[in-house]
Amino acid sequence: MTDFLLKIQNAVSMEDGVPKHLKILPLGLVKSQKGDFLVDEESFASIRQDFRQRQLQIPIDYEHQTLKDMQAPAAGWIKELSLKPDGIYGLVEWTPKAAEFLTNKEYKYCSPVIMARSSDRKAVKLHSVALTNTPAIDAMTPIVNSSKPEDMLPNGGVQKPSASMETLAQLLQLPATATIEDVYQAVSQLLGTQTTLKLEVDTLQFQAHKALVENTVELALREGKIAPFQREWAFQSAMNSYDDFTLWLKNTPTMVPMGRIVKTSGVIRNGELSRSDELLGLTPGDMQQYRQGHAKGL
């Protein structure tokens, strides 16, 4: 498996001051000049697992200095990650200097550096985040710092092909005079097309799953199964395991929806019982006898 590192410029605007919860990555298909990649619930699970296994807070630096061979003072630290309907967020502790920069609007944007898996083009790791002022030409502008390990034999040699060049050329619909470079280019193109198609299918499946989850959460809200403050928790739970979440909904009693309580006038007509009378086991005849006696001064 080959991974590639993407530095995504200007992904999140900071124009609203110093955010405590910072949107790091959007959900869905992310367009980049290096190649499109997908951010879904599996991406979040992988990024959070790596974050928790390392037990290190993720640095926020200035202008991607962490990627360079130089001193890289932190602007802040990502202390926890969460999944929301529009993306992956980080709980950030800013340094006083960075907070001042943001308050004064000396920095307005952030740029996450992610590791994407080449087999399915999914984001799987978050390396760091940077404050930057580079203008955004596209919605996502990647700058690549690649590390591509080659598939080698244990002794460092290169595995020899089992088929002849002529057979490979024929299978790839290349002329018999095709060189090894021609074969390599043809295979690379086929693999690239396959990866792109898989990415498109994965994206469609993710978008359909996300829409299903959002509709389920909204329905649960309308039915009084969850309260508004539970919306983000419900979304994340359903994204992680939709079957478990729907089973929980099925076994959860309905709460009283806000604004749905009907008030009565409080007037009890003749022959009617109040709720307290019913609980005491009184009958309409008992109440009529009591009222008649009360009227006579008994």
C-alpha atoms as a PDB file:
ATOM      1  CA  MET A   1       0.000   0.000   0.000  1.00  0.00           C
ATOM      2  CA  THR A   2       1.348   3.399  -1.000  1.00  0.00           C
ATOM      3  CA  ASP A   3       0.369   6.525   0.892  1.00  0.00           C
ATOM      4  CA  PHE A   4       0.720  10.116  -0.139  1.00  0.00           C
ATOM      5  CA  LEU A   5       0.862  13.238   1.970  1.00  0.00           C
ATOM      6  CA  LEU A   6      -1.411  16.142   1.124  1.00  0.00           C
ATOM      7  CA  LYS A   7      -1.109  19.671   2.388  1.00  0.00           C
ATOM      8  CA  ILE A   8      -4.510  21.281   1.861  1.00  0.00           C
ATOM      9  CA  GLN A   9      -4.327  25.053   1.843  1.00  0.00           C
ATOM     10  CA  ASN A  10      -7.069  27.376   3.078  1.00  0.00           C
ATOM     11  CA  ALA A  11      -9.542  24.686   4.006  1.00  0.00           C
ATOM     12  CA  VAL A  12     -11.134  26.605   6.886  1.00  0.00           C
ATOM     13  CA  SER A  13     -11.760  30.306   7.370  1.00  0.00           C
ATOM     14  CA  MET A  14     -11.009  31.837  10.754  1.00  0.00           C
ATOM     15  CA  GLU A  15     -12.836  35.103  10.194  1.00  0.00           C
ATOM     16  CA  ASP A  16     -15.078  34.590  13.218  1.00  0.00           C
ATOM     17  CA  GLY A  17     -12.296  35.031  15.762  1.00  0.00           C
ATOM     18  CA  VAL A  18     -10.541  32.349  17.773  1.00  0.00           C
ATOM     19  CA  PRO A  19     -12.414  29.073  17.311  1.00  0.00           C
ATOM     20  CA  LYS A  20     -12.370  26.533  20.113  1.00  0.00           C
ATOM     21  CA  HIS A  21     -13.729  23.820  17.838  1.00  0.00           C
ATOM     22  CA  LEU A  22     -11.921  23.947  14.506  1.00  0.00           C
ATOM     23  CA  LYS A  23     -13.228  22.292  11.342  1.00  0.00           C
ATOM     24  CA  ILE A  24     -10.230  20.380  10.005  1.00  0.00           C
ATOM     25  CA  LEU A  25     -11.637  18.390   7.078  1.00  0.00           C
ATOM     26  CA  PRO A  26     -14.970  18.406   5.248  1.00  0.00           C
ATOM     27  CA  LEU A  27     -16.878  15.167   4.790  1.00  0.00           C
ATOM     28  CA  GLY A  28     -17.231  13.711   1.327  1.00  0.00           C
ATOM     29  CA  LEU A  29     -15.166  13.928  -1.846  1.00  0.00           C
ATOM     30  CA  VAL A  30     -12.349  16.481  -1.579  1.00  0.00           C
ATOM     31  CA  LYS A  31     -10.977  17.884  -4.838  1.00  0.00           C
ATOM     32  CA  SER A  32      -7.225  18.437  -5.049  1.00  0.00           C
ATOM     33  CA  GLN A  33      -4.595  18.894  -7.733  1.00  0.00           C
ATOM     34  CA  LYS A  34      -2.783  15.800  -6.463  1.00  0.00           C
ATOM     35  CA  GLY A  35      -5.934  13.769  -6.974  1.00  0.00           C
ATOM     36  CA  ASP A  36      -9.336  13.556  -5.364  1.00  0.00           C
ATOM     37  CA  PHE A  37      -9.674  11.801  -2.020  1.00  0.00           C
ATOM     38  CA  LEU A  38     -12.490  10.818   0.285  1.00  0.00           C
ATOM     39  CA  VAL A  39     -13.179  11.770   3.885  1.00  0.00           C
ATOM     40  CA  ASP A  40     -15.816   9.527   5.475  1.00  0.00           C
ATOM     41  CA  GLU A  41     -16.626   7.825   8.772  1.00  0.00           C
ATOM     42  CA  GLU A  42     -13.815   5.314   8.186  1.00  0.00           C
ATOM     43  CA  SER A  43     -11.415   8.236   7.747  1.00  0.00           C
ATOM     44  CA  PHE A  44     -12.535   9.701  11.052  1.00  0.00           C
ATOM     45  CA  ALA A  45     -12.217   6.348  12.837  1.00  0.00           C
ATOM     46  CA  SER A  46      -8.711   5.820  11.431  1.00  0.00           C
ATOM     47  CA  ILE A  47      -7.543   9.358  12.217  1.00  0.00           C
ATOM     48  CA  ARG A  48      -8.917   9.222  15.764  1.00  0.00           C
ATOM     49  CA  GLN A  49      -7.469   5.745  16.389  1.00  0.00           C
ATOM     50  CA  ASP A  50      -4.014   6.904  15.283  1.00  0.00           C
ATOM     51  CA  PHE A  51      -4.390  10.023  17.436  1.00  0.00           C
ATOM     52  CA  ARG A  52      -5.308   8.020  20.542  1.00  0.00           C
ATOM     53  CA  GLN A  53      -2.712   5.298  20.001  1.00  0.00           C
ATOM     54  CA  ARG A  54       0.109   7.823  19.774  1.00  0.00           C
ATOM     55  CA  GLN A  55      -1.189   9.695  22.833  1.00  0.00           C
ATOM     56  CA  LEU A  56       0.209  12.912  21.392  1.00  0.00           C
ATOM     57  CA  GLN A  57      -1.673  16.105  20.727  1.00  0.00           C
ATOM     58  CA  ILE A  58      -1.632  17.150  17.059  1.00  0.00           C
ATOM     59  CA  PRO A  59       0.373  20.347  16.476  1.00  0.00           C
ATOM     60  CA  ILE A  60      -0.908  23.464  14.771  1.00  0.00           C
ATOM     61  CA  ASP A  61       2.090  25.381  13.433  1.00  0.00           C
ATOM     62  CA  TYR A  62       2.780  28.414  11.259  1.00  0.00           C
ATOM     63  CA  GLU A  63       3.103  28.006   7.468  1.00  0.00           C
ATOM     64  CA  HIS A  64       3.775  24.242   7.704  1.00  0.00           C
ATOM     65  CA  GLN A  65       7.096  24.700   9.491  1.00  0.00           C
ATOM     66  CA  THR A  66       6.668  21.235  11.032  1.00  0.00           C
ATOM     67  CA  LEU A  67       7.274  19.762   7.560  1.00  0.00           C
ATOM     68  CA  LYS A  68      10.501  21.702   7.125  1.00  0.00           C
ATOM     69  CA  ASP A  69      13.931  21.214   8.672  1.00  0.00           C
ATOM     70  CA  MET A  70      13.646  24.250  10.911  1.00  0.00           C
ATOM     71  CA  GLN A  71      12.368  25.402  14.284  1.00  0.00           C
ATOM     72  CA  ALA A  72       8.584  24.993  14.352  1.00  0.00           C
ATOM     73  CA  PRO A  73       6.915  26.719  17.313  1.00  0.00           C
ATOM     74  CA  ALA A  74       3.353  25.630  17.947  1.00  0.00           C
ATOM     75  CA  ALA A  75       0.391  27.918  17.410  1.00  0.00           C
ATOM     76  CA  GLY A  76      -1.874  25.482  19.197  1.00  0.00           C
ATOM     77  CA  TRP A  77      -2.621  21.857  19.956  1.00  0.00           C
ATOM     78  CA  ILE A  78      -5.509  19.627  18.924  1.00  0.00           C
ATOM     79  CA  LYS A  79      -6.592  17.847  22.098  1.00  0.00           C
ATOM     80  CA  GLU A  80      -9.548  15.799  20.819  1.00  0.00           C
ATOM     81  CA  LEU A  81     -11.305  14.938  17.563  1.00  0.00           C
ATOM     82  CA  SER A  82     -15.031  14.725  16.849  1.00  0.00           C
ATOM     83  CA  LEU A  83     -17.260  13.923  13.892  1.00  0.00           C
ATOM     84  CA  LYS A  84     -20.031  16.345  12.942  1.00  0.00           C
ATOM     85  CA  PRO A  85     -22.454  16.319   9.991  1.00  0.00           C
ATOM     86  CA  ASP A  86     -20.263  18.676   7.949  1.00  0.00           C
ATOM     87  CA  GLY A  87     -16.783  17.416   8.799  1.00  0.00           C
ATOM     88  CA  ILE A  88     -14.068  16.362  11.235  1.00  0.00           C
ATOM     89  CA  TYR A  89     -13.480  18.877  14.026  1.00  0.00           C
ATOM     90  CA  GLY A  90     -10.704  19.335  16.552  1.00  0.00           C
ATOM     91  CA  LEU A  91     -10.844  20.739  20.075  1.00  0.00           C
ATOM     92  CA  VAL A  92      -8.006  23.279  20.039  1.00  0.00           C
ATOM     93  CA  GLU A  93      -5.917  24.866  22.772  1.00  0.00           C
ATOM     94  CA  TRP A  94      -4.344  27.980  21.221  1.00  0.00           C
ATOM     95  CA  THR A  95      -1.171  29.655  22.437  1.00  0.00           C
ATOM     96  CA  PRO A  96      -1.570  33.297  23.534  1.00  0.00           C
ATOM     97  CA  LYS A  97       0.500  34.432  20.549  1.00  0.00           C
ATOM     98  CA  ALA A  98      -1.648  32.511  18.053  1.00  0.00           C
ATOM     99  CA  ALA A  99      -4.842  33.739  19.700  1.00  0.00           C
ATOM    100  CA  GLU A 100      -3.574  37.298  19.288  1.00  0.00           C
ATOM    101  CA  PHE A 101      -2.749  36.656  15.623  1.00  0.00           C
ATOM    102  CA  LEU A 102      -6.258  35.324  15.008  1.00  0.00           C
ATOM    103  CA  THR A 103      -7.962  38.097  16.950  1.00  0.00           C
ATOM    104  CA  ASN A 104      -6.057  40.680  14.910  1.00  0.00           C
ATOM    105  CA  LYS A 105      -6.814  38.723  11.710  1.00  0.00           C
ATOM    106  CA  GLU A 106      -3.104  38.396  10.954  1.00  0.00           C
ATOM    107  CA  TYR A 107      -3.880  34.761  10.115  1.00  0.00           C
ATOM    108  CA  LYS A 108      -7.235  33.797   8.649  1.00  0.00           C
ATOM    109  CA  TYR A 109      -6.939  30.250   7.353  1.00  0.00           C
ATOM    110  CA  CYS A 110      -5.807  26.803   8.376  1.00  0.00           C
ATOM    111  CA  SER A 111      -4.285  24.038   6.262  1.00  0.00           C
ATOM    112  CA  PRO A 112      -4.437  20.386   7.400  1.00  0.00           C
ATOM    113  CA  VAL A 113      -1.762  17.896   6.348  1.00  0.00           C
ATOM    114  CA  ILE A 114      -3.259  14.436   5.865  1.00  0.00           C
ATOM    115  CA  MET A 115      -2.047  11.011   4.801  1.00  0.00           C
ATOM    116  CA  ALA A 116      -4.281   9.459   2.134  1.00  0.00           C
ATOM    117  CA  ARG A 117      -4.337   5.764   1.298  1.00  0.00           C
ATOM    118  CA  SER A 118      -3.645   5.214  -2.388  1.00  0.00           C
ATOM    119  CA  SER A 119      -5.611   1.949  -2.593  1.00  0.00           C
ATOM    120  CA  ASP A 120      -8.940   3.743  -2.093  1.00  0.00           C
ATOM    121  CA  ARG A 121      -7.864   7.404  -1.765  1.00  0.00           C
ATOM    122  CA  LYS A 122      -9.251   7.788   1.742  1.00  0.00           C
ATOM    123  CA  ALA A 123      -7.770  10.126   4.332  1.00  0.00           C
ATOM    124  CA  VAL A 124      -6.435   7.918   7.137  1.00  0.00           C
ATOM    125  CA  LYS A 125      -4.040  10.056   9.212  1.00  0.00           C
ATOM    126  CA  LEU A 126      -3.736  13.674  10.293  1.00  0.00           C
ATOM    127  CA  HIS A 127      -0.111  14.784  10.480  1.00  0.00           C
ATOM    128  CA  SER A 128      -0.517  18.433  11.484  1.00  0.00           C
ATOM    129  CA  VAL A 129      -2.394  21.653  10.796  1.00  0.00           C
ATOM    130  CA  ALA A 130      -0.906  25.024   9.869  1.00  0.00           C
ATOM    131  CA  LEU A 131      -1.982  28.640  10.053  1.00  0.00           C
ATOM    132  CA  THR A 132      -1.512  30.286   6.670  1.00  0.00           C
ATOM    133  CA  ASN A 133      -2.495  33.326   4.625  1.00  0.00           C
ATOM    134  CA  THR A 134      -1.972  31.817   1.179  1.00  0.00           C
ATOM    135  CA  PRO A 135      -4.878  32.938  -1.044  1.00  0.00           C
ATOM    136  CA  ALA A 136      -7.296  30.184  -2.009  1.00  0.00           C
ATOM    137  CA  ILE A 137      -7.540  29.803  -5.787  1.00  0.00           C
ATOM    138  CA  ASP A 138      -9.456  26.528  -5.589  1.00  0.00           C
ATOM    139  CA  ALA A 139     -11.548  25.245  -2.713  1.00  0.00           C
ATOM    140  CA  MET A 140      -8.680  22.916  -1.860  1.00  0.00           C
ATOM    141  CA  THR A 141      -5.137  23.612  -3.060  1.00  0.00           C
ATOM    142  CA  PRO A 142      -2.728  20.758  -2.249  1.00  0.00           C
ATOM    143  CA  ILE A 143       1.041  20.943  -2.015  1.00  0.00           C
ATOM    144  CA  VAL A 144       2.584  17.485  -1.992  1.00  0.00           C
ATOM    145  CA  ASN A 145       5.378  16.115   0.127  1.00  0.00           C
ATOM    146  CA  SER A 146       5.365  12.493  -0.948  1.00  0.00           C
ATOM    147  CA  SER A 147       6.863   9.441   0.656  1.00  0.00           C
ATOM    148  CA  LYS A 148       6.313   6.445  -1.615  1.00  0.00           C
ATOM    149  CA  PRO A 149       7.893   3.164  -0.505  1.00  0.00           C
ATOM    150  CA  GLU A 150       8.351   0.772  -3.402  1.00  0.00           C
ATOM    151  CA  ASP A 151       7.275  -2.869  -3.298  1.00  0.00           C
ATOM    152  CA  MET A 152      10.629  -4.646  -3.130  1.00  0.00           C
ATOM    153  CA  LEU A 153      11.775  -8.183  -2.482  1.00  0.00           C
ATOM    154  CA  PRO A 154      13.379  -8.883   0.944  1.00  0.00           C
ATOM    155  CA  ASN A 155      16.872  -8.767  -0.585  1.00  0.00           C
ATOM    156  CA  GLY A 156      16.192  -5.454  -2.260  1.00  0.00           C
ATOM    157  CA  GLY A 157      15.934  -6.932  -5.747  1.00  0.00           C
ATOM    158  CA  VAL A 158      13.148  -6.377  -8.206  1.00  0.00           C
ATOM    159  CA  GLN A 159      10.801  -9.229  -9.018  1.00  0.00           C
ATOM    160  CA  LYS A 160      11.064 -10.382 -12.638  1.00  0.00           C
ATOM    161  CA  PRO A 161       7.886 -10.568 -14.705  1.00  0.00           C
ATOM    162  CA  SER A 162       6.609 -14.056 -15.402  1.00  0.00           C
ATOM    163  CA  ALA A 163       5.115 -13.199 -18.809  1.00  0.00           C
ATOM    164  CA  SER A 164       7.028 -12.200 -21.893  1.00  0.00           C
ATOM    165  CA  MET A 165       6.993  -8.652 -23.167  1.00  0.00           C
ATOM    166  CA  GLU A 166       5.084  -9.734 -26.250  1.00  0.00           C
ATOM    167  CA  THR A 167       2.320 -11.328 -24.171  1.00  0.00           C
ATOM    168  CA  LEU A 168       2.031  -8.273 -21.934  1.00  0.00           C
ATOM    169  CA  ALA A 169       1.928  -5.962 -24.914  1.00  0.00           C
ATOM    170  CA  GLN A 170      -0.822  -8.040 -26.484  1.00  0.00           C
ATOM    171  CA  LEU A 171      -2.903  -8.079 -23.285  1.00  0.00           C
ATOM    172  CA  LEU A 172      -2.535  -4.319 -22.987  1.00  0.00           C
ATOM    173  CA  GLN A 173      -3.334  -3.813 -26.671  1.00  0.00           C
ATOM    174  CA  LEU A 174       0.111  -2.342 -27.302  1.00  0.00           C
ATOM    175  CA  PRO A 175       2.235  -2.867 -30.410  1.00  0.00           C
ATOM    176  CA  ALA A 176       4.683  -5.783 -30.363  1.00  0.00           C
ATOM    177  CA  THR A 177       7.535  -3.271 -30.307  1.00  0.00           C
ATOM    178  CA  ALA A 178       6.376  -1.805 -26.960  1.00  0.00           C
ATOM    179  CA  THR A 179       9.107  -1.199 -24.397  1.00  0.00           C
ATOM    180  CA  ILE A 180       8.979  -1.915 -20.672  1.00  0.00           C
ATOM    181  CA  GLU A 181       8.276   1.793 -20.133  1.00  0.00           C
ATOM    182  CA  ASP A 182       5.258   1.571 -22.464  1.00  0.00           C
ATOM    183  CA  VAL A 183       3.961  -1.410 -20.495  1.00  0.00           C
ATOM    184  CA  TYR A 184       4.525   0.410 -17.205  1.00  0.00           C
ATOM    185  CA  GLN A 185       2.636   3.478 -18.409  1.00  0.00           C
ATOM    186  CA  ALA A 186      -0.281   1.381 -19.681  1.00  0.00           C
ATOM    187  CA  VAL A 187      -0.557  -0.555 -16.413  1.00  0.00           C
ATOM    188  CA  SER A 188      -0.316   2.654 -14.372  1.00  0.00           C
ATOM    189  CA  GLN A 189      -3.119   4.184 -16.419  1.00  0.00           C
ATOM    190  CA  LEU A 190      -5.336   1.138 -15.902  1.00  0.00           C
ATOM    191  CA  LEU A 191      -4.679   1.114 -12.164  1.00  0.00           C
ATOM    192  CA  GLY A 192      -5.351   4.831 -11.978  1.00  0.00           C
ATOM    193  CA  THR A 193      -8.672   4.406 -13.772  1.00  0.00           C
ATOM    194  CA  GLN A 194      -9.610   1.553 -11.443  1.00  0.00           C
ATOM    195  CA  THR A 195      -8.739   3.642  -8.387  1.00  0.00           C
ATOM    196  CA  THR A 196     -10.751   6.596  -9.685  1.00  0.00           C
ATOM    197  CA  LEU A 197     -13.797   4.420 -10.338  1.00  0.00           C
ATOM    198  CA  LYS A 198     -13.543   2.883  -6.862  1.00  0.00           C
ATOM    199  CA  LEU A 199     -13.273   6.346  -5.331  1.00  0.00           C
ATOM    200  CA  GLU A 200     -16.416   7.451  -7.160  1.00  0.00           C
ATOM    201  CA  VAL A 201     -18.319   4.356  -5.998  1.00  0.00           C
ATOM    202  CA  ASP A 202     -17.107   4.783  -2.410  1.00  0.00           C
ATOM    203  CA  THR A 203     -18.113   8.449  -2.507  1.00  0.00           C
ATOM    204  CA  LEU A 204     -21.626   7.647  -3.730  1.00  0.00           C
ATOM    205  CA  GLN A 205     -22.012   4.962  -1.056  1.00  0.00           C
ATOM    206  CA  PHE A 206     -20.803   7.341   1.636  1.00  0.00           C
ATOM    207  CA  GLN A 207     -23.107  10.167   0.521  1.00  0.00           C
ATOM    208  CA  ALA A 208     -26.080   7.775   0.490  1.00  0.00           C
ATOM    209  CA  HIS A 209     -25.187   6.505   3.977  1.00  0.00           C
ATOM    210  CA  LYS A 210     -24.749  10.061   5.283  1.00  0.00           C
ATOM    211  CA  ALA A 211     -28.127  11.120   3.857  1.00  0.00           C
ATOM    212  CA  LEU A 212     -29.782   8.086   5.478  1.00  0.00           C
ATOM    213  CA  VAL A 213     -28.206   8.933   8.839  1.00  0.00           C
ATOM    214  CA  GLU A 214     -29.223  12.600   8.649  1.00  0.00           C
ATOM    215  CA  ASN A 215     -32.830  11.673   7.790  1.00  0.00           C
ATOM    216  CA  THR A 216     -32.939   9.141  10.630  1.00  0.00           C
ATOM    217  CA  VAL A 217     -31.628  11.677  13.149  1.00  0.00           C
ATOM    218  CA  GLU A 218     -34.126  14.326  11.991  1.00  0.00           C
ATOM    219  CA  LEU A 219     -36.985  11.826  12.273  1.00  0.00           C
ATOM    220  CA  ALA A 220     -35.839  10.860  15.772  1.00  0.00           C
ATOM    221  CA  LEU A 221     -35.898  14.543  16.733  1.00  0.00           C
ATOM    222  CA  ARG A 222     -39.418  15.044  15.367  1.00  0.00           C
ATOM    223  CA  GLU A 223     -40.676  11.922  17.126  1.00  0.00           C
ATOM    224  CA  GLY A 224     -39.198  13.024  20.434  1.00  0.00           C
ATOM    225  CA  LYS A 225     -36.756  10.116  20.656  1.00  0.00           C
ATOM    226  CA  ILE A 226     -33.784  12.440  21.162  1.00  0.00           C
ATOM    227  CA  ALA A 227     -33.412  16.021  22.361  1.00  0.00           C
ATOM    228  CA  PRO A 228     -31.869  18.764  20.196  1.00  0.00           C
ATOM    229  CA  PHE A 229     -28.689  18.779  22.279  1.00  0.00           C
ATOM    230  CA  GLN A 230     -28.185  15.101  21.380  1.00  0.00           C
ATOM    231  CA  ARG A 231     -28.134  15.743  17.613  1.00  0.00           C
ATOM    232  CA  GLU A 232     -24.335  15.568  17.138  1.00  0.00           C
ATOM    233  CA  TRP A 233     -24.030  12.511  19.378  1.00  0.00           C
ATOM    234  CA  ALA A 234     -26.813  10.789  17.453  1.00  0.00           C
ATOM    235  CA  PHE A 235     -25.219  11.624  14.094  1.00  0.00           C
ATOM    236  CA  GLN A 236     -21.828  10.270  15.128  1.00  0.00           C
ATOM    237  CA  SER A 237     -23.366   7.137  16.666  1.00  0.00           C
ATOM    238  CA  ALA A 238     -25.435   6.413  13.563  1.00  0.00           C
ATOM    239  CA  MET A 239     -22.483   7.000  11.250  1.00  0.00           C
ATOM    240  CA  ASN A 240     -20.378   4.560  13.259  1.00  0.00           C
ATOM    241  CA  SER A 241     -23.053   1.851  13.495  1.00  0.00           C
ATOM    242  CA  TYR A 242     -26.406   2.532  11.880  1.00  0.00           C
ATOM    243  CA  ASP A 243     -27.930  -0.807  12.929  1.00  0.00           C
ATOM    244  CA  ASP A 244     -26.992  -0.324  16.588  1.00  0.00           C
ATOM    245  CA  PHE A 245     -28.377   3.216  16.557  1.00  0.00           C
ATOM    246  CA  THR A 246     -31.717   2.211  15.014  1.00  0.00           C
ATOM    247  CA  LEU A 247     -31.992  -0.644  17.532  1.00  0.00           C
ATOM    248  CA  TRP A 248     -31.422   1.882  20.317  1.00  0.00           C
ATOM    249  CA  LEU A 249     -34.127   4.133  18.842  1.00  0.00           C
ATOM    250  CA  LYS A 250     -36.551   1.215  18.700  1.00  0.00           C
ATOM    251  CA  ASN A 251     -36.077   0.487  22.412  1.00  0.00           C
ATOM    252  CA  THR A 252     -36.055   4.135  23.527  1.00  0.00           C
ATOM    253  CA  PRO A 253     -39.317   5.597  24.882  1.00  0.00           C
ATOM    254  CA  THR A 254     -40.637   8.783  23.321  1.00  0.00           C
ATOM    255  CA  MET A 255     -40.014  11.952  25.276  1.00  0.00           C
ATOM    256  CA  VAL A 256     -42.667  14.711  25.464  1.00  0.00           C
ATOM    257  CA  PRO A 257     -41.951  16.938  22.444  1.00  0.00           C
ATOM    258  CA  MET A 258     -41.483  20.616  23.223  1.00  0.00           C
ATOM    259  CA  GLY A 259     -44.515  22.735  22.385  1.00  0.00           C
ATOM    260  CA  ARG A 260     -46.880  19.762  22.204  1.00  0.00           C
ATOM    261  CA  ILE A 261     -48.430  19.901  25.716  1.00  0.00           C
ATOM    262  CA  VAL A 262     -52.130  20.856  25.596  1.00  0.00           C
ATOM    263  CA  LYS A 263     -53.314  22.938  28.530  1.00  0.00           C
ATOM    264  CA  THR A 264     -56.869  22.612  29.848  1.00  0.00           C
ATOM    265  CA  SER A 265     -58.988  25.349  31.328  1.00  0.00           C
ATOM    266  CA  GLY A 266     -59.000  23.661  34.736  1.00  0.00           C
ATOM    267  CA  VAL A 267     -62.837  23.784  34.921  1.00  0.00           C
ATOM    268  CA  ILE A 268     -64.469  20.482  35.868  1.00  0.00           C
ATOM    269  CA  ARG A 269     -68.028  20.143  34.613  1.00  0.00           C
ATOM    270  CA  ASN A 270     -70.808  18.298  36.418  1.00  0.00           C
ATOM    271  CA  GLY A 271     -70.441  14.571  36.031  1.00  0.00           C
ATOM    272  CA  GLU A 272     -66.740  14.818  35.205  1.00  0.00           C
ATOM    273  CA  LEU A 273     -63.845  13.687  37.358  1.00  0.00           C
ATOM    274  CA  SER A 274     -60.457  15.301  37.714  1.00  0.00           C
ATOM    275  CA  ARG A 275     -57.338  13.189  37.344  1.00  0.00           C
ATOM    276  CA  SER A 276     -56.798  13.278  41.110  1.00  0.00           C
ATOM    277  CA  ASP A 277     -60.384  12.058  41.680  1.00  0.00           C
ATOM    278  CA  GLU A 278     -59.758   9.138  39.358  1.00  0.00           C
ATOM    279  CA  LEU A 279     -56.570   8.221  41.179  1.00  0.00           C
ATOM    280  CA  LEU A 280     -58.484   8.244  44.493  1.00  0.00           C
ATOM    281  CA  GLY A 281     -61.067   5.844  43.055  1.00  0.00           C
ATOM    282  CA  LEU A 282     -63.983   8.268  43.341  1.00  0.00           C
ATOM    283  CA  THR A 283     -67.052   8.001  41.129  1.00  0.00           C
ATOM    284  CA  PRO A 284     -69.212  10.799  39.712  1.00  0.00           C
ATOM    285  CA  GLY A 285     -71.907   9.789  42.234  1.00  0.00           C
ATOM    286  CA  ASP A 286     -69.448  10.213  45.134  1.00  0.00           C
ATOM    287  CA  MET A 287     -68.534  13.686  43.949  1.00  0.00           C
ATOM    288  CA  GLN A 288     -72.187  14.702  43.451  1.00  0.00           C
ATOM    289  CA  GLN A 289     -73.053  13.524  46.973  1.00  0.00           C
ATOM    290  CA  TYR A 290     -70.072  15.449  48.349  1.00  0.00           C
ATOM    291  CA  ARG A 291     -71.083  18.642  46.552  1.00  0.00           C
ATOM    292  CA  GLN A 292     -74.695  18.358  47.754  1.00  0.00           C
ATOM    293  CA  GLY A 293     -73.546  17.845  51.331  1.00  0.00           C
ATOM    294  CA  HIS A 294     -71.076  20.723  51.056  1.00  0.00           C
ATOM    295  CA  ALA A 295     -73.837  22.994  49.774  1.00  0.00           C
ATOM    296  CA  LYS A 296     -75.991  22.128  52.838  1.00  0.00           C
ATOM    297  CA  GLY A 297     -73.109  22.982  55.154  1.00  0.00           C
ATOM    298  CA  LEU A 298     -72.313  19.391  56.154  1.00  0.00           C
END
